[in-house]
Amino acid sequence: MASQAFCDPCSEEDKSSFATRYCADCDEQLCKDCAESHLRFKAFKSHHVIDLSAIGSTIHVPESAKKYCNIHVDILLDYYCTDHESVCCRACIPDCHRACDKVLPLDQAAKGVKNSSLFVDIFKDITHIVETLDHLLANREQNLQLLEQNKITITEQIRMLKIRLIKHIDDLECDLVAKFVTMQEKNEAEIQKQKDDISKLSTTLSDSKNELEFLKNHGSNNQLFLALRENVSEIQKAESKLDYIISSIKQVEIKFYERKNLNVGSIGSVIDRNRSCSVQYRPLRNQKAQAQPYTAKPLIEFKSGVKLNLKSGENYYLTDLVVTRDNKLLLCNYNPSYPKVYVYSECKYFEKEMTFPSDPFGIALIPHSSKAVVTMPLAKSVQFIDTASMTIGNQVHVWFAFNGVAATEDKIFCGDEQGSIHVLDTNGLYQSKIPCCRSPIYFIVYNALNSQLLVRSRGDLRCVKLDGTPVYRYNKISGVAGITMDRHENVYLAGYNTHSILRLSPDGKFHDTVLRNDDGISYPYGVTFSRDFCKLVVLNNSHKSVVFYRFK
């Protein structure tokens, strides 16, 4: 049986009283008397005090519900900023929320939260993710079973292949022996014929020799003379025939030559085929927190810029940038002598560099993954990056020179030199083409809320649907430079020739100029926001520097 907890306030006074209640706001266990006293004070009347018997004797407060500020660790979180959508302490307000319109007491912001759409949405999201994870576990178990079945099947296939190979070798042996026997019989027959011809000639000459010897011993001179004259022509014929026999005879020997490259390096191969997981995750549409009773206003002004301390000794021509989920800044350097992507942890400190096979131009993160995609227009290819290990992955060659790039969970959008957007899957396989404009596309941003694409070409910004249907167009800009969006769907355009950053409303109408040359903007190019949308990051000074502008 679990031991009963003691009252925290009584324990501080060296008293031993068993706790019966728990205050979630104070994170204290209370005895009956302390609980009654606790609720008599006006400041504590709103505190959430529960019976310990309802939750057991062990109190576990989740880390996500801890009430102390991460920055000012000894101060309670007791305010909520609707502009930044973040909980803060009183010390955070002068540092980060001085210009914010609506900073509410936490009690007011959290009022009715248990019955709010925020709770319902987040609870549904967690349930949805857990269900997806359960499906993934089942999928992985099925994959293990499939691999076990593969083992049985492939082992049997290899065994059958071995049998076929042995049979094939046996067939080769029989064929080779048969060829040898045929060759031997042919040569033996030829040699036997030669022997017969030699024997026949030898017999004829031996007969002539015996006749001459007989006539010498027993015949007359006339008979011997006539015989000799007859043999003169026969000897000439015999010599001719002997010359022919000698010239036609070959010393025959049959040899076996083993094939030198008979060593078989492989009788086949086994490969692992990777396919996309059949389990997919689609986030439920996030809704605004019920704790935001007022519509958040766009943050209007920026503080003066802070320049990033870039790695020295490099020749920079920075073209695009992104900030990862773990707050790492990735910079593309479009320079043939330094074709690299630089990584800065915490968006401040140089961490590493990745050297590419060709100049990297555009970069986009693939949502809900640890992958990014980089365009290399000179090589007519795209390059994938593992953003967890910050290493280069697969390079996929395409038919077009892609510049601008954006990505969703399952699609990659690349802009070409002719004004079309090409759609790839997240492995780089080509899918389709979206007509857009008639000039090179240098930057693309995907608006997830409306499933639209923002497309930047020279002197022109277009918003189109995923089928290419125009939504709006803004062409009161000059030159080529980057685009980005804030959390309120306002669009920010870098004005390369005007040394400025423009802001458009979500419907594509001009709102204001947020940064100018007086603010340090000089030939800006790529732009993006930090993960918390509190800083605008600008590639500045003709692709040579990076500047952070914080909201006032």
Protein backbone atom coordinates (compact mmCIF):
# COMPACT_ATOMS: atom_id res chain seq x y z
CA MET A 1 0.00 0.00 0.00
CA ALA A 2 1.40 3.41 -0.97
CA SER A 3 2.46 5.68 1.90
CA GLN A 4 0.27 8.71 2.57
CA ALA A 5 1.69 12.13 1.66
CA PHE A 6 2.26 14.88 4.20
CA CYS A 7 1.03 18.46 4.08
CA ASP A 8 3.65 20.74 2.52
CA PRO A 9 2.94 23.92 4.60
CA CYS A 10 2.87 21.88 7.85
CA SER A 11 6.13 20.15 6.93
CA GLU A 12 7.81 23.54 6.63
CA GLU A 13 6.84 24.13 10.27
CA ASP A 14 8.09 20.66 11.28
CA LYS A 15 4.56 19.37 11.74
CA SER A 16 3.40 15.98 10.51
CA SER A 17 -0.07 16.27 9.03
CA PHE A 18 -1.42 13.98 6.38
CA ALA A 19 -2.37 15.70 3.13
CA THR A 20 -5.92 15.32 1.85
CA ARG A 21 -6.05 18.02 -0.83
CA TYR A 22 -3.80 19.32 -3.60
CA CYS A 23 -3.55 22.86 -5.02
CA ALA A 24 -2.59 22.67 -8.71
CA ASP A 25 -1.78 26.39 -8.86
CA CYS A 26 0.62 26.32 -5.88
CA ASP A 27 1.81 22.77 -6.58
CA GLU A 28 1.37 21.97 -2.88
CA GLN A 29 -0.28 19.13 -0.95
CA LEU A 30 -2.51 20.36 1.88
CA CYS A 31 -4.05 18.89 5.00
CA LYS A 32 -7.71 19.62 5.81
CA ASP A 33 -6.96 22.69 7.96
CA CYS A 34 -4.46 24.19 5.49
CA ALA A 35 -6.86 23.61 2.61
CA GLU A 36 -9.63 25.50 4.40
CA SER A 37 -7.22 28.35 5.26
CA HIS A 38 -5.93 28.36 1.68
CA LEU A 39 -9.37 29.03 0.23
CA ARG A 40 -10.22 31.77 2.74
CA PHE A 41 -7.65 34.15 1.26
CA LYS A 42 -8.95 36.28 -1.59
CA ALA A 43 -5.77 35.77 -3.67
CA PHE A 44 -6.21 31.98 -3.51
CA LYS A 45 -9.97 31.72 -4.04
CA SER A 46 -9.51 31.07 -7.77
CA HIS A 47 -6.93 28.33 -7.17
CA HIS A 48 -7.75 24.83 -8.32
CA VAL A 49 -7.82 22.62 -5.20
CA ILE A 50 -8.71 18.94 -5.63
CA ASP A 51 -9.20 15.92 -3.38
CA LEU A 52 -6.11 13.70 -3.30
CA SER A 53 -8.25 10.59 -3.20
CA ALA A 54 -9.41 11.41 -6.73
CA ILE A 55 -5.89 11.30 -8.19
CA GLY A 56 -3.95 9.02 -5.87
CA SER A 57 -1.15 9.81 -3.49
CA THR A 58 1.49 10.54 -6.17
CA ILE A 59 1.33 14.00 -7.71
CA HIS A 60 2.95 14.38 -11.12
CA VAL A 61 2.80 17.77 -12.79
CA PRO A 62 3.67 17.52 -16.53
CA GLU A 63 6.65 19.55 -17.69
CA SER A 64 4.38 21.38 -20.16
CA ALA A 65 2.31 22.69 -17.20
CA LYS A 66 5.25 24.02 -15.17
CA LYS A 67 4.61 27.61 -14.17
CA TYR A 68 8.09 29.13 -14.17
CA CYS A 69 9.60 31.10 -17.03
CA ASN A 70 12.35 29.41 -19.05
CA ILE A 71 14.27 32.70 -19.31
CA HIS A 72 13.64 34.11 -15.82
CA VAL A 73 13.65 30.77 -14.02
CA ASP A 74 12.55 32.10 -10.61
CA ILE A 75 9.53 34.06 -11.87
CA LEU A 76 6.08 32.63 -12.47
CA LEU A 77 4.46 32.65 -15.89
CA ASP A 78 1.45 34.84 -15.26
CA TYR A 79 0.79 36.68 -18.57
CA TYR A 80 -0.22 35.76 -22.11
CA CYS A 81 0.70 37.89 -25.16
CA THR A 82 -1.92 37.56 -27.91
CA ASP A 83 0.35 39.24 -30.47
CA HIS A 84 3.12 36.67 -30.05
CA GLU A 85 0.77 33.85 -28.96
CA SER A 86 3.11 33.06 -26.08
CA VAL A 87 3.02 32.79 -22.28
CA CYS A 88 5.44 35.07 -20.45
CA CYS A 89 6.40 36.36 -17.04
CA ARG A 90 6.34 39.97 -15.84
CA ALA A 91 10.08 40.32 -16.54
CA CYS A 92 9.57 39.30 -20.19
CA ILE A 93 7.15 42.16 -20.88
CA PRO A 94 9.66 45.06 -21.01
CA ASP A 95 12.13 42.93 -22.98
CA CYS A 96 9.90 41.36 -25.63
CA HIS A 97 6.31 42.63 -25.34
CA ARG A 98 6.57 46.38 -24.67
CA ALA A 99 4.82 47.33 -27.92
CA CYS A 100 2.27 44.49 -27.86
CA ASP A 101 -1.35 45.60 -27.72
CA LYS A 102 -2.87 42.75 -25.76
CA VAL A 103 -0.93 41.20 -22.89
CA LEU A 104 -3.51 39.46 -20.68
CA PRO A 105 -3.23 38.08 -17.16
CA LEU A 106 -2.92 34.31 -17.38
CA ASP A 107 -6.10 33.81 -15.33
CA GLN A 108 -8.09 35.83 -17.89
CA ALA A 109 -6.49 34.12 -20.89
CA ALA A 110 -7.06 30.64 -19.41
CA LYS A 111 -10.66 31.26 -18.32
CA GLY A 112 -12.92 28.48 -19.57
CA VAL A 113 -10.01 26.70 -21.28
CA LYS A 114 -11.24 23.22 -20.27
CA ASN A 115 -14.31 23.70 -22.45
CA SER A 116 -12.50 25.67 -25.14
CA SER A 117 -11.87 24.81 -28.76
CA LEU A 118 -8.14 25.08 -27.97
CA PHE A 119 -8.37 22.09 -25.61
CA VAL A 120 -10.57 20.15 -28.03
CA ASP A 121 -8.26 20.86 -30.99
CA ILE A 122 -5.03 20.02 -29.14
CA PHE A 123 -6.56 16.90 -27.58
CA LYS A 124 -7.76 15.81 -31.03
CA ASP A 125 -4.32 16.55 -32.49
CA ILE A 126 -2.58 14.44 -29.83
CA THR A 127 -5.10 11.63 -30.27
CA HIS A 128 -4.63 11.81 -34.04
CA ILE A 129 -0.83 11.68 -33.70
CA VAL A 130 -1.00 8.76 -31.21
CA GLU A 131 -3.31 6.86 -33.57
CA THR A 132 -0.89 7.52 -36.43
CA LEU A 133 1.99 6.27 -34.28
CA ASP A 134 -0.01 3.12 -33.46
CA HIS A 135 -0.52 2.59 -37.19
CA LEU A 136 3.20 3.11 -37.70
CA LEU A 137 4.04 0.51 -35.05
CA ALA A 138 1.68 -1.95 -36.75
CA ASN A 139 3.26 -1.06 -40.09
CA ARG A 140 6.76 -1.69 -38.72
CA GLU A 141 5.66 -5.05 -37.27
CA GLN A 142 4.19 -6.00 -40.66
CA ASN A 143 7.46 -4.97 -42.27
CA LEU A 144 9.39 -7.26 -39.90
CA GLN A 145 7.06 -10.12 -40.82
CA LEU A 146 7.54 -9.31 -44.49
CA LEU A 147 11.33 -9.40 -44.07
CA GLU A 148 11.06 -12.82 -42.37
CA GLN A 149 8.99 -14.07 -45.30
CA ASN A 150 11.55 -12.54 -47.67
CA LYS A 151 14.24 -14.56 -45.90
CA ILE A 152 12.37 -17.85 -46.52
CA THR A 153 11.57 -16.97 -50.14
CA ILE A 154 15.03 -15.72 -51.07
CA THR A 155 16.79 -18.66 -49.35
CA GLU A 156 14.67 -21.05 -51.44
CA GLN A 157 15.35 -19.02 -54.60
CA ILE A 158 19.10 -19.20 -53.96
CA ARG A 159 18.89 -22.97 -53.32
CA MET A 160 17.02 -23.52 -56.60
CA LEU A 161 19.53 -21.33 -58.41
CA LYS A 162 22.33 -23.51 -57.01
CA ILE A 163 20.60 -26.63 -58.36
CA ARG A 164 20.22 -25.01 -61.77
CA LEU A 165 23.85 -23.97 -61.75
CA ILE A 166 25.03 -27.50 -60.87
CA LYS A 167 22.85 -28.95 -63.64
CA HIS A 168 24.21 -26.37 -66.04
CA ILE A 169 27.79 -27.34 -65.09
CA ASP A 170 26.93 -31.02 -65.60
CA ASP A 171 25.53 -30.19 -69.03
CA LEU A 172 28.67 -28.25 -69.88
CA GLU A 173 30.78 -31.24 -68.81
CA CYS A 174 28.82 -33.64 -71.01
CA ASP A 175 29.01 -31.27 -73.94
CA LEU A 176 32.75 -30.80 -73.51
CA VAL A 177 33.43 -34.54 -73.23
CA ALA A 178 31.29 -35.18 -76.32
CA LYS A 179 33.29 -32.60 -78.27
CA PHE A 180 36.53 -34.23 -77.11
CA VAL A 181 35.36 -37.71 -78.17
CA THR A 182 34.28 -36.43 -81.60
CA MET A 183 37.58 -34.64 -82.05
CA GLN A 184 39.54 -37.73 -80.95
CA GLU A 185 37.67 -40.05 -83.33
CA LYS A 186 38.17 -37.63 -86.22
CA ASN A 187 41.94 -37.41 -85.62
CA GLU A 188 42.28 -41.17 -85.07
CA ALA A 189 40.52 -41.84 -88.38
CA GLU A 190 42.80 -39.37 -90.17
CA ILE A 191 45.92 -40.89 -88.65
CA GLN A 192 44.72 -44.40 -89.47
CA LYS A 193 44.22 -43.41 -93.13
CA GLN A 194 47.75 -41.96 -93.17
CA LYS A 195 49.07 -45.23 -91.74
CA ASP A 196 47.27 -47.18 -94.46
CA ASP A 197 48.80 -45.01 -97.19
CA ILE A 198 52.27 -45.36 -95.67
CA SER A 199 51.89 -49.13 -95.33
CA LYS A 200 50.67 -49.46 -98.91
CA LEU A 201 53.62 -47.46 -100.28
CA SER A 202 56.03 -49.37 -98.06
CA THR A 203 54.67 -52.71 -99.29
CA THR A 204 55.00 -51.68 -102.95
CA LEU A 205 58.61 -50.57 -102.49
CA SER A 206 59.48 -53.70 -100.49
CA ASP A 207 58.12 -55.85 -103.36
CA SER A 208 60.24 -53.93 -105.87
CA LYS A 209 63.28 -54.36 -103.68
CA ASN A 210 62.76 -58.15 -103.41
CA GLU A 211 62.30 -58.44 -107.22
CA LEU A 212 65.53 -56.57 -107.89
CA GLU A 213 67.40 -58.67 -105.37
CA PHE A 214 66.02 -61.89 -106.97
CA LEU A 215 67.02 -60.81 -110.49
CA LYS A 216 70.48 -59.89 -109.28
CA ASN A 217 71.00 -63.34 -107.85
CA HIS A 218 69.12 -65.48 -110.34
CA GLY A 219 68.21 -63.49 -113.43
CA SER A 220 70.07 -62.39 -116.50
CA ASN A 221 71.60 -58.99 -116.99
CA ASN A 222 68.96 -58.12 -119.52
CA GLN A 223 66.19 -58.93 -117.09
CA LEU A 224 67.83 -56.87 -114.26
CA PHE A 225 68.43 -53.94 -116.59
CA LEU A 226 64.81 -53.89 -117.75
CA ALA A 227 63.62 -54.11 -114.14
CA LEU A 228 65.88 -51.27 -113.04
CA ARG A 229 64.63 -49.06 -115.85
CA GLU A 230 61.07 -49.83 -114.81
CA ASN A 231 61.80 -49.00 -111.13
CA VAL A 232 63.35 -45.63 -111.95
CA SER A 233 59.93 -44.15 -112.76
CA GLU A 234 58.31 -46.05 -109.85
CA ILE A 235 60.85 -44.63 -107.42
CA GLN A 236 60.16 -41.09 -108.68
CA LYS A 237 56.44 -41.67 -108.10
CA ALA A 238 57.16 -43.12 -104.63
CA GLU A 239 59.31 -40.13 -103.68
CA SER A 240 56.59 -37.71 -104.80
CA LYS A 241 54.01 -39.62 -102.82
CA LEU A 242 56.32 -39.74 -99.79
CA ASP A 243 56.82 -35.94 -99.97
CA TYR A 244 53.05 -35.51 -100.09
CA ILE A 245 52.49 -37.82 -97.12
CA ILE A 246 55.14 -36.07 -95.02
CA SER A 247 53.82 -32.60 -95.86
CA SER A 248 50.27 -33.58 -94.97
CA ILE A 249 51.04 -35.31 -91.69
CA LYS A 250 50.58 -33.20 -88.49
CA GLN A 251 51.49 -34.18 -85.00
CA VAL A 252 48.09 -34.08 -83.34
CA GLU A 253 47.63 -33.54 -79.61
CA ILE A 254 44.37 -32.69 -77.86
CA LYS A 255 44.62 -30.44 -74.81
CA PHE A 256 42.10 -28.99 -72.36
CA TYR A 257 42.36 -25.29 -71.60
CA GLU A 258 40.55 -24.17 -68.45
CA ARG A 259 38.79 -20.82 -68.78
CA LYS A 260 40.80 -18.32 -66.79
CA ASN A 261 37.83 -16.12 -65.75
CA LEU A 262 35.80 -19.09 -64.52
CA ASN A 263 35.76 -17.56 -61.01
CA VAL A 264 32.16 -16.40 -60.63
CA GLY A 265 32.05 -13.33 -58.47
CA SER A 266 28.29 -13.41 -58.06
CA ILE A 267 25.35 -15.58 -59.02
CA GLY A 268 22.88 -12.77 -58.39
CA SER A 269 22.18 -9.85 -56.09
CA VAL A 270 19.84 -8.87 -53.31
CA ILE A 271 18.66 -5.29 -52.97
CA ASP A 272 16.40 -3.54 -50.53
CA ARG A 273 13.66 -1.64 -52.28
CA ASN A 274 12.49 1.38 -50.32
CA ARG A 275 8.97 2.60 -50.86
CA SER A 276 7.11 5.41 -49.14
CA CYS A 277 5.37 4.35 -45.97
CA SER A 278 1.70 3.49 -46.51
CA VAL A 279 0.86 5.25 -43.23
CA GLN A 280 0.46 8.98 -43.79
CA TYR A 281 -0.04 11.79 -41.32
CA ARG A 282 -2.21 14.78 -42.14
CA PRO A 283 -2.35 17.38 -39.37
CA LEU A 284 -5.81 18.42 -38.30
CA ARG A 285 -6.49 22.05 -39.10
CA ASN A 286 -5.21 24.12 -36.20
CA GLN A 287 -7.61 26.69 -34.81
CA LYS A 288 -6.89 29.87 -32.95
CA ALA A 289 -6.62 29.50 -29.18
CA GLN A 290 -9.80 30.27 -27.24
CA ALA A 291 -7.54 32.29 -24.97
CA GLN A 292 -7.24 35.01 -27.63
CA PRO A 293 -10.39 37.10 -27.21
CA TYR A 294 -8.96 39.83 -29.46
CA THR A 295 -7.75 39.60 -33.05
CA ALA A 296 -3.96 39.81 -33.05
CA LYS A 297 -2.65 42.82 -34.95
CA PRO A 298 0.34 42.56 -37.28
CA LEU A 299 3.55 43.76 -35.70
CA ILE A 300 4.38 46.96 -37.51
CA GLU A 301 7.87 48.15 -36.66
CA PHE A 302 11.31 46.61 -36.46
CA LYS A 303 14.31 47.33 -34.31
CA SER A 304 17.60 48.16 -35.98
CA GLY A 305 19.33 45.22 -37.62
CA VAL A 306 21.92 42.93 -36.06
CA LYS A 307 24.46 41.52 -38.49
CA LEU A 308 25.34 37.83 -38.40
CA ASN A 309 29.02 37.07 -37.93
CA LEU A 310 29.66 34.98 -41.05
CA LYS A 311 32.50 32.49 -41.34
CA SER A 312 35.61 34.31 -42.53
CA GLY A 313 37.71 33.42 -45.57
CA GLU A 314 34.74 32.66 -47.84
CA ASN A 315 33.58 34.42 -51.01
CA TYR A 316 29.86 34.93 -50.47
CA TYR A 317 27.01 35.21 -52.97
CA LEU A 318 24.09 34.21 -50.75
CA THR A 319 20.82 33.55 -52.56
CA ASP A 320 18.37 31.80 -50.23
CA LEU A 321 17.90 30.79 -46.60
CA VAL A 322 15.65 28.82 -44.22
CA VAL A 323 15.37 28.30 -40.48
CA THR A 324 14.81 24.70 -39.31
CA ARG A 325 12.56 23.44 -36.52
CA ASP A 326 15.56 23.24 -34.18
CA ASN A 327 16.43 26.88 -34.94
CA LYS A 328 19.33 26.34 -37.33
CA LEU A 329 19.92 28.83 -40.12
CA LEU A 330 20.84 27.36 -43.52
CA LEU A 331 22.40 29.67 -46.14
CA CYS A 332 22.86 28.86 -49.85
CA ASN A 333 26.05 30.20 -51.43
CA TYR A 334 25.65 30.40 -55.22
CA ASN A 335 29.36 30.59 -55.98
CA PRO A 336 31.29 28.13 -58.21
CA SER A 337 34.39 28.46 -56.01
CA TYR A 338 32.40 27.91 -52.79
CA PRO A 339 29.26 25.88 -53.72
CA LYS A 340 28.15 25.39 -50.14
CA VAL A 341 25.27 25.47 -47.69
CA TYR A 342 26.34 26.96 -44.35
CA VAL A 343 24.73 25.92 -41.05
CA TYR A 344 24.43 28.27 -38.05
CA SER A 345 23.09 26.85 -34.79
CA GLU A 346 20.71 29.06 -32.81
CA CYS A 347 20.82 31.31 -35.91
CA LYS A 348 24.06 32.73 -34.44
CA TYR A 349 26.98 30.33 -34.32
CA PHE A 350 28.69 28.74 -37.29
CA GLU A 351 28.30 24.97 -36.97
CA LYS A 352 29.36 23.40 -40.27
CA GLU A 353 29.29 23.67 -44.05
CA MET A 354 28.15 21.25 -46.74
CA THR A 355 29.94 21.33 -50.10
CA PHE A 356 27.65 20.68 -53.08
CA PRO A 357 28.45 19.19 -56.52
CA SER A 358 27.13 22.41 -58.10
CA ASP A 359 26.11 25.91 -57.03
CA PRO A 360 23.09 25.77 -54.63
CA PHE A 361 20.48 28.46 -55.36
CA GLY A 362 17.14 27.85 -53.62
CA ILE A 363 16.28 25.87 -50.49
CA ALA A 364 13.04 24.69 -48.86
CA LEU A 365 12.21 22.56 -45.83
CA ILE A 366 9.90 19.56 -46.33
CA PRO A 367 7.31 19.89 -43.51
CA HIS A 368 7.03 17.21 -40.81
CA SER A 369 10.28 15.60 -41.92
CA SER A 370 14.03 15.94 -41.42
CA LYS A 371 14.63 16.74 -45.08
CA ALA A 372 15.32 19.87 -47.09
CA VAL A 373 15.59 20.23 -50.86
CA VAL A 374 18.09 22.47 -52.67
CA THR A 375 18.01 23.50 -56.34
CA MET A 376 21.20 23.43 -58.43
CA PRO A 377 20.22 25.10 -61.74
CA LEU A 378 23.63 24.82 -63.40
CA ALA A 379 23.58 21.02 -62.89
CA LYS A 380 19.86 20.75 -63.74
CA SER A 381 19.28 18.80 -60.55
CA VAL A 382 17.94 18.98 -57.00
CA GLN A 383 19.86 17.89 -53.92
CA PHE A 384 18.34 16.59 -50.68
CA ILE A 385 19.71 17.38 -47.21
CA ASP A 386 19.20 15.47 -43.96
CA THR A 387 18.51 18.35 -41.57
CA ALA A 388 18.87 16.10 -38.50
CA SER A 389 22.49 15.19 -39.22
CA MET A 390 23.13 18.09 -41.62
CA THR A 391 24.51 15.81 -44.30
CA ILE A 392 23.99 15.70 -48.06
CA GLY A 393 21.59 13.04 -49.34
CA ASN A 394 20.46 12.01 -52.83
CA GLN A 395 20.99 14.11 -55.93
CA VAL A 396 18.20 13.86 -58.51
CA HIS A 397 18.83 14.99 -62.09
CA VAL A 398 15.97 16.72 -63.90
CA TRP A 399 15.44 18.12 -67.37
CA PHE A 400 15.19 21.75 -66.33
CA ALA A 401 17.25 24.42 -64.58
CA PHE A 402 15.29 25.03 -61.36
CA ASN A 403 15.76 28.18 -59.26
CA GLY A 404 12.99 28.85 -56.75
CA VAL A 405 11.66 26.00 -54.62
CA ALA A 406 8.93 25.36 -52.04
CA ALA A 407 7.61 22.15 -50.46
CA THR A 408 4.62 20.55 -48.78
CA GLU A 409 4.53 17.22 -46.94
CA ASP A 410 4.29 15.28 -50.20
CA LYS A 411 5.18 17.68 -53.03
CA ILE A 412 8.08 19.85 -54.14
CA PHE A 413 7.44 22.90 -56.34
CA CYS A 414 10.34 24.11 -58.53
CA GLY A 415 10.36 27.19 -60.77
CA ASP A 416 12.17 27.03 -64.12
CA GLU A 417 13.67 29.56 -66.54
CA GLN A 418 10.56 29.61 -68.78
CA GLY A 419 8.06 30.57 -66.08
CA SER A 420 6.60 27.14 -65.28
CA ILE A 421 6.36 25.39 -61.92
CA HIS A 422 7.30 21.71 -61.94
CA VAL A 423 5.90 19.38 -59.31
CA LEU A 424 8.03 16.54 -57.88
CA ASP A 425 7.30 14.12 -55.08
CA THR A 426 9.48 14.25 -51.97
CA ASN A 427 11.85 11.67 -53.48
CA GLY A 428 12.42 13.84 -56.56
CA LEU A 429 10.23 11.88 -58.99
CA TYR A 430 8.56 14.08 -61.59
CA GLN A 431 4.76 14.46 -61.38
CA SER A 432 3.37 17.42 -63.31
CA LYS A 433 3.79 20.99 -64.54
CA ILE A 434 1.88 24.16 -63.59
CA PRO A 435 1.91 27.07 -66.08
CA CYS A 436 2.46 30.37 -64.30
CA CYS A 437 4.20 33.19 -66.17
CA ARG A 438 6.62 33.82 -69.03
CA SER A 439 9.82 34.76 -67.21
CA PRO A 440 12.24 32.87 -64.93
CA ILE A 441 10.88 32.02 -61.47
CA TYR A 442 13.41 32.76 -58.74
CA PHE A 443 11.41 32.33 -55.52
CA ILE A 444 8.35 30.31 -54.44
CA VAL A 445 6.53 30.30 -51.09
CA TYR A 446 3.74 27.85 -50.23
CA ASN A 447 0.73 29.22 -48.30
CA ALA A 448 -0.48 26.15 -46.39
CA LEU A 449 -3.66 27.78 -45.09
CA ASN A 450 -5.06 28.50 -48.56
CA SER A 451 -3.10 25.91 -50.56
CA GLN A 452 -1.66 28.63 -52.80
CA LEU A 453 1.76 29.47 -54.20
CA LEU A 454 3.46 32.87 -54.10
CA VAL A 455 5.75 33.14 -57.14
CA ARG A 456 8.42 35.81 -57.63
CA SER A 457 9.91 36.58 -61.04
CA ARG A 458 11.65 39.71 -62.30
CA GLY A 459 9.52 42.75 -61.42
CA ASP A 460 6.51 40.58 -60.67
CA LEU A 461 4.76 38.72 -57.84
CA ARG A 462 1.90 36.31 -58.49
CA CYS A 463 -0.33 34.29 -56.23
CA VAL A 464 -1.72 31.17 -57.91
CA LYS A 465 -3.66 28.08 -56.91
CA LEU A 466 -2.04 24.67 -57.24
CA ASP A 467 -3.59 24.23 -60.69
CA GLY A 468 -2.15 27.55 -61.89
CA THR A 469 -5.37 29.58 -61.52
CA PRO A 470 -4.40 33.23 -60.77
CA VAL A 471 -5.46 34.67 -57.39
CA TYR A 472 -3.76 38.08 -57.54
CA ARG A 473 -0.76 39.83 -59.05
CA TYR A 474 1.49 42.64 -57.77
CA ASN A 475 3.97 44.18 -60.21
CA LYS A 476 4.92 47.49 -58.63
CA ILE A 477 8.38 46.17 -57.82
CA SER A 478 11.68 46.12 -59.66
CA GLY A 479 14.39 43.51 -59.95
CA VAL A 480 14.55 40.02 -58.50
CA ALA A 481 14.59 39.22 -54.78
CA GLY A 482 12.99 36.99 -52.18
CA ILE A 483 9.56 36.71 -50.55
CA THR A 484 8.24 35.39 -47.23
CA MET A 485 5.10 35.43 -45.07
CA ASP A 486 4.43 36.21 -41.41
CA ARG A 487 2.01 34.36 -39.13
CA HIS A 488 -0.85 36.65 -40.28
CA GLU A 489 -0.28 35.80 -43.98
CA ASN A 490 1.13 39.24 -44.76
CA VAL A 491 3.61 39.01 -47.63
CA TYR A 492 7.10 40.56 -47.44
CA LEU A 493 8.99 41.45 -50.63
CA ALA A 494 12.66 42.36 -50.86
CA GLY A 495 13.20 45.31 -53.20
CA TYR A 496 16.69 44.73 -54.59
CA ASN A 497 16.96 47.95 -56.58
CA THR A 498 14.95 50.10 -54.15
CA HIS A 499 16.88 49.00 -51.02
CA SER A 500 13.68 48.25 -49.15
CA ILE A 501 11.36 45.57 -47.74
CA LEU A 502 7.70 45.93 -48.73
CA ARG A 503 4.70 44.42 -46.98
CA LEU A 504 1.49 43.37 -48.72
CA SER A 505 -1.76 42.40 -47.04
CA PRO A 506 -2.99 38.80 -47.49
CA ASP A 507 -5.07 39.86 -50.51
CA GLY A 508 -1.96 41.14 -52.32
CA LYS A 509 -2.50 44.89 -51.77
CA PHE A 510 0.37 47.16 -50.75
CA HIS A 511 0.36 47.89 -47.02
CA ASP A 512 3.60 49.67 -46.19
CA THR A 513 7.38 49.74 -46.50
CA VAL A 514 8.71 48.19 -43.30
CA LEU A 515 12.46 48.65 -43.88
CA ARG A 516 14.44 51.13 -45.97
CA ASN A 517 17.97 52.08 -46.80
CA ASP A 518 18.03 54.23 -43.62
CA ASP A 519 17.49 51.01 -41.66
CA GLY A 520 20.58 49.44 -43.21
CA ILE A 521 18.84 47.71 -46.14
CA SER A 522 21.13 47.63 -49.18
CA TYR A 523 20.44 45.42 -52.20
CA PRO A 524 18.42 42.87 -50.21
CA TYR A 525 17.79 39.44 -51.72
CA GLY A 526 16.49 36.42 -49.78
CA VAL A 527 14.19 36.95 -46.76
CA THR A 528 12.62 34.68 -44.16
CA PHE A 529 11.28 34.76 -40.60
CA SER A 530 12.69 33.12 -37.50
CA ARG A 531 10.73 30.15 -36.14
CA ASP A 532 8.90 32.35 -33.59
CA PHE A 533 8.21 35.05 -36.21
CA CYS A 534 9.90 37.63 -33.98
CA LYS A 535 12.77 38.34 -36.36
CA LEU A 536 12.98 39.06 -40.08
CA VAL A 537 16.18 37.62 -41.57
CA VAL A 538 17.52 39.41 -44.68
CA LEU A 539 20.30 38.51 -47.11
CA ASN A 540 21.72 41.99 -47.50
CA ASN A 541 24.49 44.02 -49.12
CA SER A 542 24.43 42.36 -52.58
CA HIS A 543 24.33 38.74 -51.31
CA LYS A 544 27.27 39.27 -48.93
CA SER A 545 25.76 39.58 -45.43
CA VAL A 546 22.90 38.42 -43.19
CA VAL A 547 20.98 40.85 -40.97
CA PHE A 548 18.35 40.12 -38.28
CA TYR A 549 15.58 42.70 -37.67
CA ARG A 550 13.57 42.15 -34.46
CA PHE A 551 10.00 43.43 -33.99
CA LYS A 552 9.66 46.39 -31.68
